C-alpha atoms as a PDB file:
ATOM      1  CA  MET A   1      87.159 133.453 119.602  1.00  0.00           C
ATOM      2  CA  THR A   2      84.699 130.977 120.434  1.00  0.00           C
ATOM      3  CA  SER A   3      83.581 128.034 118.237  1.00  0.00           C
ATOM      4  CA  THR A   4      79.560 128.102 117.032  1.00  0.00           C
ATOM      5  CA  SER A   5      77.936 125.432 115.661  1.00  0.00           C
ATOM      6  CA  SER A   6      77.647 125.291 111.800  1.00  0.00           C
ATOM      7  CA  GLY A   7      74.420 123.111 111.913  1.00  0.00           C
ATOM      8  CA  VAL A   8      76.677 120.715 110.100  1.00  0.00           C
ATOM      9  CA  GLY A   9      75.498 117.685 111.487  1.00  0.00           C
ATOM     10  CA  ARG A  10      78.874 115.995 111.748  1.00  0.00           C
ATOM     11  CA  ALA A  11      79.867 113.817 114.676  1.00  0.00           C
ATOM     12  CA  PRO A  12      82.894 115.135 116.792  1.00  0.00           C
ATOM     13  CA  TRP A  13      86.398 114.119 116.385  1.00  0.00           C
ATOM     14  CA  GLY A  14      87.027 110.381 117.054  1.00  0.00           C
ATOM     15  CA  GLN A  15      83.231 109.354 116.841  1.00  0.00           C
ATOM     16  CA  ALA A  16      83.492 107.377 113.741  1.00  0.00           C
ATOM     17  CA  PRO A  17      84.317 103.870 115.546  1.00  0.00           C
ATOM     18  CA  MET A  18      81.629 104.574 117.586  1.00  0.00           C
ATOM     19  CA  GLU A  19      79.200 105.422 114.984  1.00  0.00           C
ATOM     20  CA  LEU A  20      79.868 102.395 113.350  1.00  0.00           C
ATOM     21  CA  VAL A  21      80.002  99.719 115.843  1.00  0.00           C
ATOM     22  CA  THR A  22      76.509 101.361 117.202  1.00  0.00           C
ATOM     23  CA  ASN A  23      75.052 100.906 113.550  1.00  0.00           C
ATOM     24  CA  TYR A  24      77.337  97.818 112.264  1.00  0.00           C
ATOM     25  CA  ALA A  25      74.450  95.358 111.324  1.00  0.00           C
ATOM     26  CA  GLN A  26      72.885  97.850 108.878  1.00  0.00           C
ATOM     27  CA  ILE A  27      76.162  99.395 107.773  1.00  0.00           C
ATOM     28  CA  LYS A  28      77.685  95.889 106.970  1.00  0.00           C
ATOM     29  CA  THR A  29      74.552  94.935 104.661  1.00  0.00           C
ATOM     30  CA  VAL A  30      75.201  97.958 102.511  1.00  0.00           C
ATOM     31  CA  VAL A  31      78.686  97.577 102.213  1.00  0.00           C
ATOM     32  CA  GLU A  32      78.189  93.949 101.451  1.00  0.00           C
ATOM     33  CA  GLN A  33      75.595  94.967  98.561  1.00  0.00           C
ATOM     34  CA  SER A  34      77.581  97.831  97.537  1.00  0.00           C
ATOM     35  CA  PRO A  35      80.564  97.633  94.653  1.00  0.00           C
ATOM     36  CA  SER A  36      83.039 100.064  96.533  1.00  0.00           C
ATOM     37  CA  LEU A  37      83.353 101.618  99.491  1.00  0.00           C
ATOM     38  CA  ARG A  38      82.882 105.131  98.136  1.00  0.00           C
ATOM     39  CA  SER A  39      79.464 103.912  96.544  1.00  0.00           C
ATOM     40  CA  ALA A  40      78.494 102.388 100.130  1.00  0.00           C
ATOM     41  CA  PHE A  41      79.262 105.726 101.962  1.00  0.00           C
ATOM     42  CA  SER A  42      77.084 107.586  99.494  1.00  0.00           C
ATOM     43  CA  ARG A  43      74.252 105.237 100.405  1.00  0.00           C
ATOM     44  CA  LEU A  44      74.727 105.434 104.075  1.00  0.00           C
ATOM     45  CA  LYS A  45      75.316 109.427 104.151  1.00  0.00           C
ATOM     46  CA  ALA A  46      72.081 109.520 102.488  1.00  0.00           C
ATOM     47  CA  GLU A  47      70.197 107.267 104.494  1.00  0.00           C
ATOM     48  CA  GLY A  48      71.608 109.533 107.520  1.00  0.00           C
ATOM     49  CA  LEU A  49      73.297 106.407 109.206  1.00  0.00           C
ATOM     50  CA  ILE A  50      76.713 107.961 109.648  1.00  0.00           C
ATOM     51  CA  THR A  51      77.518 111.479 109.982  1.00  0.00           C
ATOM     52  CA  VAL A  52      81.454 111.509 109.143  1.00  0.00           C
ATOM     53  CA  LYS A  53      83.261 112.317 106.373  1.00  0.00           C
ATOM     54  CA  TYR A  54      84.938 109.721 103.907  1.00  0.00           C
ATOM     55  CA  ASP A  55      88.531 109.430 104.948  1.00  0.00           C
ATOM     56  CA  ALA A  56      87.122 109.014 108.552  1.00  0.00           C
ATOM     57  CA  PHE A  57      84.542 106.308 107.848  1.00  0.00           C
ATOM     58  CA  ALA A  58      87.284 104.213 105.502  1.00  0.00           C
ATOM     59  CA  LYS A  59      89.635 104.365 108.182  1.00  0.00           C
ATOM     60  CA  SER A  60      87.247 103.551 110.948  1.00  0.00           C
ATOM     61  CA  TRP A  61      85.375 100.725 108.831  1.00  0.00           C
ATOM     62  CA  LYS A  62      88.804  98.880 108.171  1.00  0.00           C
ATOM     63  CA  LYS A  63      89.941  99.005 111.847  1.00  0.00           C
ATOM     64  CA  VAL A  64      86.136  97.738 112.917  1.00  0.00           C
ATOM     65  CA  GLN A  65      86.202  94.865 110.441  1.00  0.00           C
ATOM     66  CA  ALA A  66      89.978  93.653 111.564  1.00  0.00           C
ATOM     67  CA  ASN A  67      88.410  93.795 115.353  1.00  0.00           C
ATOM     68  CA  LYS A  68      85.474  91.892 114.474  1.00  0.00           C
ATOM     69  CA  ALA A  69      87.691  89.261 112.652  1.00  0.00           C
ATOM     70  CA  LYS A  70      89.919  89.137 115.404  1.00  0.00           C
ATOM     71  CA  LYS A  71      87.371  88.617 118.133  1.00  0.00           C
ATOM     72  CA  ALA A  72      85.646  85.916 115.854  1.00  0.00           C
ATOM     73  CA  SER A  73      88.886  84.356 115.672  1.00  0.00           C
ATOM     74  CA  THR A  74      89.643  84.356 119.361  1.00  0.00           C
ATOM     75  CA  ASN A  75      85.782  83.160 120.206  1.00  0.00           C
ATOM     76  CA  THR A  76      86.435  80.037 118.467  1.00  0.00           C
ATOM     77  CA  VAL A  77      86.124  76.591 120.782  1.00  0.00           C
ATOM     78  CA  VAL A  78      88.985  74.429 120.904  1.00  0.00           C
ATOM     79  CA  GLU A  79      87.669  70.676 121.647  1.00  0.00           C
ATOM     80  CA  LYS A  80      89.752  69.456 124.111  1.00  0.00           C
ATOM     81  CA  PRO A  81      90.408  65.088 123.949  1.00  0.00           C
ATOM     82  CA  VAL A  82      88.290  63.335 125.526  1.00  0.00           C
ATOM     83  CA  GLY A  83      90.474  60.131 126.483  1.00  0.00           C
ATOM     84  CA  ASN A  84      92.792  62.294 128.336  1.00  0.00           C
ATOM     85  CA  GLN A  85      91.534  64.285 130.952  1.00  0.00           C
ATOM     86  CA  GLU A  86      94.980  65.964 131.940  1.00  0.00           C
ATOM     87  CA  THR A  87      96.605  68.051 129.595  1.00  0.00           C
ATOM     88  CA  SER A  88      99.843  69.909 129.800  1.00  0.00           C
ATOM     89  CA  ASP A  89      97.709  72.951 130.601  1.00  0.00           C
ATOM     90  CA  THR A  90      96.396  71.740 134.024  1.00  0.00           C
ATOM     91  CA  GLN A  91      99.729  69.660 135.023  1.00  0.00           C
ATOM     92  CA  PRO A  92     102.374  71.607 136.977  1.00  0.00           C
ATOM     93  CA  LYS A  93     105.650  72.090 134.572  1.00  0.00           C
ATOM     94  CA  GLY A  94     108.770  70.683 136.474  1.00  0.00           C
ATOM     95  CA  ARG A  95     112.016  72.330 136.513  1.00  0.00           C
ATOM     96  CA  LYS A  96     114.761  71.314 134.218  1.00  0.00           C
ATOM     97  CA  PRO A  97     117.678  69.532 135.724  1.00  0.00           C
ATOM     98  CA  LEU A  98     120.986  71.912 135.891  1.00  0.00           C
ATOM     99  CA  PRO A  99     123.606  70.565 134.145  1.00  0.00           C
ATOM    100  CA  GLU A 100     126.430  68.815 136.018  1.00  0.00           C
ATOM    101  CA  ILE A 101     129.762  70.756 136.562  1.00  0.00           C
ATOM    102  CA  ASN A 102     132.787  68.380 136.721  1.00  0.00           C
ATOM    103  CA  LYS A 103     135.404  69.729 134.541  1.00  0.00           C
ATOM    104  CA  PHE A 104     135.791  73.422 135.397  1.00  0.00           C
ATOM    105  CA  THR A 105     138.273  74.235 138.415  1.00  0.00           C
ATOM    106  CA  VAL A 106     139.054  77.308 139.852  1.00  0.00           C
ATOM    107  CA  PRO A 107     142.768  78.387 139.791  1.00  0.00           C
ATOM    108  CA  THR A 108     143.944  79.737 142.654  1.00  0.00           C
ATOM    109  CA  GLY A 109     147.482  80.513 142.519  1.00  0.00           C
ATOM    110  CA  SER A 110     149.590  82.280 139.934  1.00  0.00           C
ATOM    111  CA  ASP A 111     150.670  78.950 138.757  1.00  0.00           C
ATOM    112  CA  GLY A 112     147.429  77.707 138.211  1.00  0.00           C
ATOM    113  CA  VAL A 113     146.319  80.880 136.086  1.00  0.00           C
ATOM    114  CA  ARG A 114     149.422  80.000 133.814  1.00  0.00           C
ATOM    115  CA  ASP A 115     148.589  76.351 133.819  1.00  0.00           C
ATOM    116  CA  GLN A 116     144.833  77.288 132.747  1.00  0.00           C
ATOM    117  CA  TRP A 117     146.207  79.345 129.562  1.00  0.00           C
END
């Protein structure tokens, strides 16, 4: 049996994050002004900004907010010291010297093995 359109006007599966990202500025103002996420969802649904169900909206909104916060924290500019032009990022790292091996000998005969133990 083929599926037919029910005329609901709901977004296809997996489209909730896309709806929230495209209308992010408008949705964010409504969510900030609302006392709860449920009331914000009701207002957004009435205004026609979203077409998804509440559970998809809530789950996707939390993920979008977390991604925006993560991007904002990674986009912060770190100031480099003015006096020191060369930092550890620009200097090549040297290799650690290997420890000196001076007290270990390999026993070659059965007498040597017995003496080691």
